[in-house]
Amino acid sequence: MTRVVVAGLGNDLRRDDGVGPAVMLRVARSAGPGVTVVVNAGEPADLLEAWRHADVAIVVDAMDAGLEPGATRRIEAGATDGQGALADAAPFPGSASSHLLPLSSVVELARALDAMPGRLLIFGVQGAAFGYGEGLTPEVERAVERVAAEILDEVGAAFAP
């Protein structure tokens, strides 16, 4: 049976850093059997255990890559350039989250420990405000439904024959 893990990273008490948990609320409503939904407010290294035996892992996190607030970026970690070299040398640049270990470091650690899922997708959402406080900025709030829909499409594709 296919095993899919969907994880939202972030702290919903740090404004746009809470985009991961917000997306997970939407995904959890429609996720079916075989899908594990995880919210991780602290240490993303915990993801290693969650996705270790997953066929597909999808992670959502806030980023600060200099884009317009609410812009999204989808990265397939482990994708190759066609010659066998990793095309994603920096799988998740510009992380703005409050994690102790950046997501890009978690991916590199997973590679080193042979703990990568079969396929790893990372969705980054450009934030605007990362200070203390509750609530997403309007631009990031609008991105939540869009990212959740994209994730549910990926989940559906993972279970397609």
C-alpha atoms as a PDB file:
ATOM      1  CA  MET A   1       0.000   0.000   0.000  1.00  0.00           C
ATOM      2  CA  THR A   2       1.191   3.508  -0.833  1.00  0.00           C
ATOM      3  CA  ARG A   3       2.170   5.589   2.201  1.00  0.00           C
ATOM      4  CA  VAL A   4       2.023   9.387   1.945  1.00  0.00           C
ATOM      5  CA  VAL A   5       3.156  11.832   4.634  1.00  0.00           C
ATOM      6  CA  VAL A   6       2.131  15.487   4.406  1.00  0.00           C
ATOM      7  CA  ALA A   7       3.805  17.838   6.882  1.00  0.00           C
ATOM      8  CA  GLY A   8       3.353  21.497   7.680  1.00  0.00           C
ATOM      9  CA  LEU A   9       6.249  23.208   9.397  1.00  0.00           C
ATOM     10  CA  GLY A  10       5.920  26.393  11.350  1.00  0.00           C
ATOM     11  CA  ASN A  11       4.693  28.277  14.350  1.00  0.00           C
ATOM     12  CA  ASP A  12       1.252  29.845  14.129  1.00  0.00           C
ATOM     13  CA  LEU A  13       2.282  32.371  16.795  1.00  0.00           C
ATOM     14  CA  ARG A  14       4.871  33.848  14.392  1.00  0.00           C
ATOM     15  CA  ARG A  15       2.492  35.268  11.766  1.00  0.00           C
ATOM     16  CA  ASP A  16       3.321  33.927   8.272  1.00  0.00           C
ATOM     17  CA  ASP A  17       5.528  31.203   9.733  1.00  0.00           C
ATOM     18  CA  GLY A  18       2.183  29.519  10.508  1.00  0.00           C
ATOM     19  CA  VAL A  19       1.432  28.822   6.838  1.00  0.00           C
ATOM     20  CA  GLY A  20       2.467  25.150   7.149  1.00  0.00           C
ATOM     21  CA  PRO A  21      -0.003  24.372   9.950  1.00  0.00           C
ATOM     22  CA  ALA A  22      -2.725  26.391   8.156  1.00  0.00           C
ATOM     23  CA  VAL A  23      -2.291  24.328   4.983  1.00  0.00           C
ATOM     24  CA  MET A  24      -2.366  21.103   7.031  1.00  0.00           C
ATOM     25  CA  LEU A  25      -5.780  22.044   8.454  1.00  0.00           C
ATOM     26  CA  ARG A  26      -7.153  22.185   4.895  1.00  0.00           C
ATOM     27  CA  VAL A  27      -5.362  19.032   3.742  1.00  0.00           C
ATOM     28  CA  ALA A  28      -6.475  17.010   6.786  1.00  0.00           C
ATOM     29  CA  ARG A  29     -10.138  17.633   5.912  1.00  0.00           C
ATOM     30  CA  SER A  30      -9.756  15.788   2.594  1.00  0.00           C
ATOM     31  CA  ALA A  31      -6.864  13.402   3.177  1.00  0.00           C
ATOM     32  CA  GLY A  32      -7.956   9.810   2.910  1.00  0.00           C
ATOM     33  CA  PRO A  33      -6.596   6.533   4.242  1.00  0.00           C
ATOM     34  CA  GLY A  34      -2.899   6.009   3.726  1.00  0.00           C
ATOM     35  CA  VAL A  35      -2.158   9.705   4.283  1.00  0.00           C
ATOM     36  CA  THR A  36      -0.492  10.861   7.492  1.00  0.00           C
ATOM     37  CA  VAL A  37      -0.847  14.591   8.197  1.00  0.00           C
ATOM     38  CA  VAL A  38       1.782  16.055  10.529  1.00  0.00           C
ATOM     39  CA  VAL A  39       2.124  19.539  11.996  1.00  0.00           C
ATOM     40  CA  ASN A  40       5.596  20.299  13.267  1.00  0.00           C
ATOM     41  CA  ALA A  41       5.961  23.512  15.231  1.00  0.00           C
ATOM     42  CA  GLY A  42       9.469  22.925  16.455  1.00  0.00           C
ATOM     43  CA  GLU A  43      12.248  20.772  15.151  1.00  0.00           C
ATOM     44  CA  PRO A  44      11.997  19.655  11.510  1.00  0.00           C
ATOM     45  CA  ALA A  45      14.551  16.896  12.172  1.00  0.00           C
ATOM     46  CA  ASP A  46      11.551  14.999  13.583  1.00  0.00           C
ATOM     47  CA  LEU A  47      10.454  14.707   9.959  1.00  0.00           C
ATOM     48  CA  LEU A  48      13.144  12.099   9.368  1.00  0.00           C
ATOM     49  CA  GLU A  49      11.198   9.536  11.339  1.00  0.00           C
ATOM     50  CA  ALA A  50       7.831  10.577   9.922  1.00  0.00           C
ATOM     51  CA  TRP A  51       8.873  10.230   6.290  1.00  0.00           C
ATOM     52  CA  ARG A  52      11.510   7.470   6.593  1.00  0.00           C
ATOM     53  CA  HIS A  53       9.395   4.729   4.959  1.00  0.00           C
ATOM     54  CA  ALA A  54       7.006   6.949   3.012  1.00  0.00           C
ATOM     55  CA  ASP A  55       6.547   6.514  -0.702  1.00  0.00           C
ATOM     56  CA  VAL A  56       5.793  10.232  -1.007  1.00  0.00           C
ATOM     57  CA  ALA A  57       6.441  13.014   1.502  1.00  0.00           C
ATOM     58  CA  ILE A  58       5.174  16.538   0.986  1.00  0.00           C
ATOM     59  CA  VAL A  59       6.354  19.404   3.198  1.00  0.00           C
ATOM     60  CA  VAL A  60       4.994  22.955   3.415  1.00  0.00           C
ATOM     61  CA  ASP A  61       7.039  25.736   4.981  1.00  0.00           C
ATOM     62  CA  ALA A  62       7.281  29.504   4.978  1.00  0.00           C
ATOM     63  CA  MET A  63      10.186  31.002   3.087  1.00  0.00           C
ATOM     64  CA  ASP A  64      11.882  34.316   2.537  1.00  0.00           C
ATOM     65  CA  ALA A  65      13.290  34.159  -0.975  1.00  0.00           C
ATOM     66  CA  GLY A  66      12.661  37.775  -1.924  1.00  0.00           C
ATOM     67  CA  LEU A  67       9.459  36.998  -3.837  1.00  0.00           C
ATOM     68  CA  GLU A  68       6.107  38.741  -3.593  1.00  0.00           C
ATOM     69  CA  PRO A  69       4.245  37.787  -0.391  1.00  0.00           C
ATOM     70  CA  GLY A  70       2.056  34.737  -1.020  1.00  0.00           C
ATOM     71  CA  ALA A  71       4.156  33.522  -3.963  1.00  0.00           C
ATOM     72  CA  THR A  72       4.815  29.808  -3.902  1.00  0.00           C
ATOM     73  CA  ARG A  73       7.681  27.639  -4.959  1.00  0.00           C
ATOM     74  CA  ARG A  74       7.504  23.875  -5.521  1.00  0.00           C
ATOM     75  CA  ILE A  75      10.725  21.903  -5.304  1.00  0.00           C
ATOM     76  CA  GLU A  76      11.224  18.202  -5.810  1.00  0.00           C
ATOM     77  CA  ALA A  77      14.138  17.341  -3.555  1.00  0.00           C
ATOM     78  CA  GLY A  78      16.313  14.678  -5.073  1.00  0.00           C
ATOM     79  CA  ALA A  79      15.448  15.519  -8.669  1.00  0.00           C
ATOM     80  CA  THR A  80      18.405  15.045 -10.960  1.00  0.00           C
ATOM     81  CA  ASP A  81      19.643  17.123 -13.849  1.00  0.00           C
ATOM     82  CA  GLY A  82      19.436  14.134 -16.220  1.00  0.00           C
ATOM     83  CA  GLN A  83      23.118  13.320 -15.718  1.00  0.00           C
ATOM     84  CA  GLY A  84      22.693  11.900 -12.218  1.00  0.00           C
ATOM     85  CA  ALA A  85      23.704  15.074 -10.366  1.00  0.00           C
ATOM     86  CA  LEU A  86      21.244  16.558  -7.912  1.00  0.00           C
ATOM     87  CA  ALA A  87      19.471  19.523  -9.466  1.00  0.00           C
ATOM     88  CA  ASP A  88      18.495  20.925  -6.080  1.00  0.00           C
ATOM     89  CA  ALA A  89      21.823  21.720  -4.448  1.00  0.00           C
ATOM     90  CA  ALA A  90      19.974  24.065  -2.086  1.00  0.00           C
ATOM     91  CA  PRO A  91      16.573  22.364  -1.803  1.00  0.00           C
ATOM     92  CA  PHE A  92      14.965  25.121   0.164  1.00  0.00           C
ATOM     93  CA  PRO A  93      16.855  28.405   0.104  1.00  0.00           C
ATOM     94  CA  GLY A  94      15.645  31.354   2.082  1.00  0.00           C
ATOM     95  CA  SER A  95      13.822  29.527   4.846  1.00  0.00           C
ATOM     96  CA  ALA A  96      12.391  32.113   7.202  1.00  0.00           C
ATOM     97  CA  SER A  97      10.923  29.761   9.739  1.00  0.00           C
ATOM     98  CA  SER A  98      11.668  29.521  13.419  1.00  0.00           C
ATOM     99  CA  HIS A  99      13.169  26.019  13.230  1.00  0.00           C
ATOM    100  CA  LEU A 100      16.442  25.218  14.891  1.00  0.00           C
ATOM    101  CA  LEU A 101      17.585  23.308  11.798  1.00  0.00           C
ATOM    102  CA  PRO A 102      16.737  24.639   8.322  1.00  0.00           C
ATOM    103  CA  LEU A 103      14.706  22.338   6.094  1.00  0.00           C
ATOM    104  CA  SER A 104      17.549  22.182   3.557  1.00  0.00           C
ATOM    105  CA  SER A 105      19.780  20.747   6.306  1.00  0.00           C
ATOM    106  CA  VAL A 106      17.124  18.174   7.207  1.00  0.00           C
ATOM    107  CA  VAL A 107      17.038  17.035   3.569  1.00  0.00           C
ATOM    108  CA  GLU A 108      20.833  16.740   3.464  1.00  0.00           C
ATOM    109  CA  LEU A 109      20.803  14.808   6.755  1.00  0.00           C
ATOM    110  CA  ALA A 110      18.131  12.460   5.407  1.00  0.00           C
ATOM    111  CA  ARG A 111      20.260  11.820   2.328  1.00  0.00           C
ATOM    112  CA  ALA A 112      23.319  11.084   4.455  1.00  0.00           C
ATOM    113  CA  LEU A 113      21.369   8.694   6.711  1.00  0.00           C
ATOM    114  CA  ASP A 114      19.565   7.004   3.814  1.00  0.00           C
ATOM    115  CA  ALA A 115      16.291   8.200   5.331  1.00  0.00           C
ATOM    116  CA  MET A 116      14.767   9.942   2.312  1.00  0.00           C
ATOM    117  CA  PRO A 117      11.227   9.059   1.284  1.00  0.00           C
ATOM    118  CA  GLY A 118      10.698   7.632  -2.179  1.00  0.00           C
ATOM    119  CA  ARG A 119       9.766  11.108  -3.403  1.00  0.00           C
ATOM    120  CA  LEU A 120       9.987  14.421  -1.526  1.00  0.00           C
ATOM    121  CA  LEU A 121       8.104  17.544  -2.568  1.00  0.00           C
ATOM    122  CA  ILE A 122       8.604  20.840  -0.780  1.00  0.00           C
ATOM    123  CA  PHE A 123       6.159  23.719  -1.105  1.00  0.00           C
ATOM    124  CA  GLY A 124       7.481  27.072   0.047  1.00  0.00           C
ATOM    125  CA  VAL A 125       5.224  30.057   0.596  1.00  0.00           C
ATOM    126  CA  GLN A 126       6.779  33.511   0.613  1.00  0.00           C
ATOM    127  CA  GLY A 127       5.880  35.262   3.827  1.00  0.00           C
ATOM    128  CA  ALA A 128       5.745  38.956   4.651  1.00  0.00           C
ATOM    129  CA  ALA A 129       5.614  39.053   8.464  1.00  0.00           C
ATOM    130  CA  PHE A 130       7.471  36.688  10.794  1.00  0.00           C
ATOM    131  CA  GLY A 131       7.315  38.565  14.107  1.00  0.00           C
ATOM    132  CA  TYR A 132       5.352  37.444  17.116  1.00  0.00           C
ATOM    133  CA  GLY A 133       1.606  37.506  16.666  1.00  0.00           C
ATOM    134  CA  GLU A 134      -1.279  35.444  15.378  1.00  0.00           C
ATOM    135  CA  GLY A 135      -2.774  35.353  11.915  1.00  0.00           C
ATOM    136  CA  LEU A 136      -1.393  35.154   8.424  1.00  0.00           C
ATOM    137  CA  THR A 137      -1.026  38.236   6.262  1.00  0.00           C
ATOM    138  CA  PRO A 138      -3.756  38.484   3.581  1.00  0.00           C
ATOM    139  CA  GLU A 139      -1.403  37.479   0.754  1.00  0.00           C
ATOM    140  CA  VAL A 140      -0.259  34.344   2.568  1.00  0.00           C
ATOM    141  CA  GLU A 141      -3.810  33.505   3.659  1.00  0.00           C
ATOM    142  CA  ARG A 142      -4.858  33.530  -0.012  1.00  0.00           C
ATOM    143  CA  ALA A 143      -2.019  31.130  -0.834  1.00  0.00           C
ATOM    144  CA  VAL A 144      -3.200  28.559   1.724  1.00  0.00           C
ATOM    145  CA  GLU A 145      -6.129  27.228  -0.335  1.00  0.00           C
ATOM    146  CA  ARG A 146      -4.051  27.176  -3.524  1.00  0.00           C
ATOM    147  CA  VAL A 147      -1.220  25.189  -1.913  1.00  0.00           C
ATOM    148  CA  ALA A 148      -3.657  22.797  -0.195  1.00  0.00           C
ATOM    149  CA  ALA A 149      -5.315  22.091  -3.559  1.00  0.00           C
ATOM    150  CA  GLU A 150      -1.936  21.413  -5.198  1.00  0.00           C
ATOM    151  CA  ILE A 151      -0.996  19.050  -2.382  1.00  0.00           C
ATOM    152  CA  LEU A 152      -4.283  17.166  -2.643  1.00  0.00           C
ATOM    153  CA  ASP A 153      -3.657  16.777  -6.382  1.00  0.00           C
ATOM    154  CA  GLU A 154      -0.214  15.309  -5.606  1.00  0.00           C
ATOM    155  CA  VAL A 155      -1.735  12.978  -3.002  1.00  0.00           C
ATOM    156  CA  GLY A 156      -4.336  11.802  -5.516  1.00  0.00           C
ATOM    157  CA  ALA A 157      -1.618  11.162  -8.100  1.00  0.00           C
ATOM    158  CA  ALA A 158       0.370   9.119  -5.562  1.00  0.00           C
ATOM    159  CA  PHE A 159      -2.566   6.706  -5.243  1.00  0.00           C
ATOM    160  CA  ALA A 160      -3.445   6.602  -8.947  1.00  0.00           C
ATOM    161  CA  PRO A 161      -2.872   3.221 -10.618  1.00  0.00           C
END
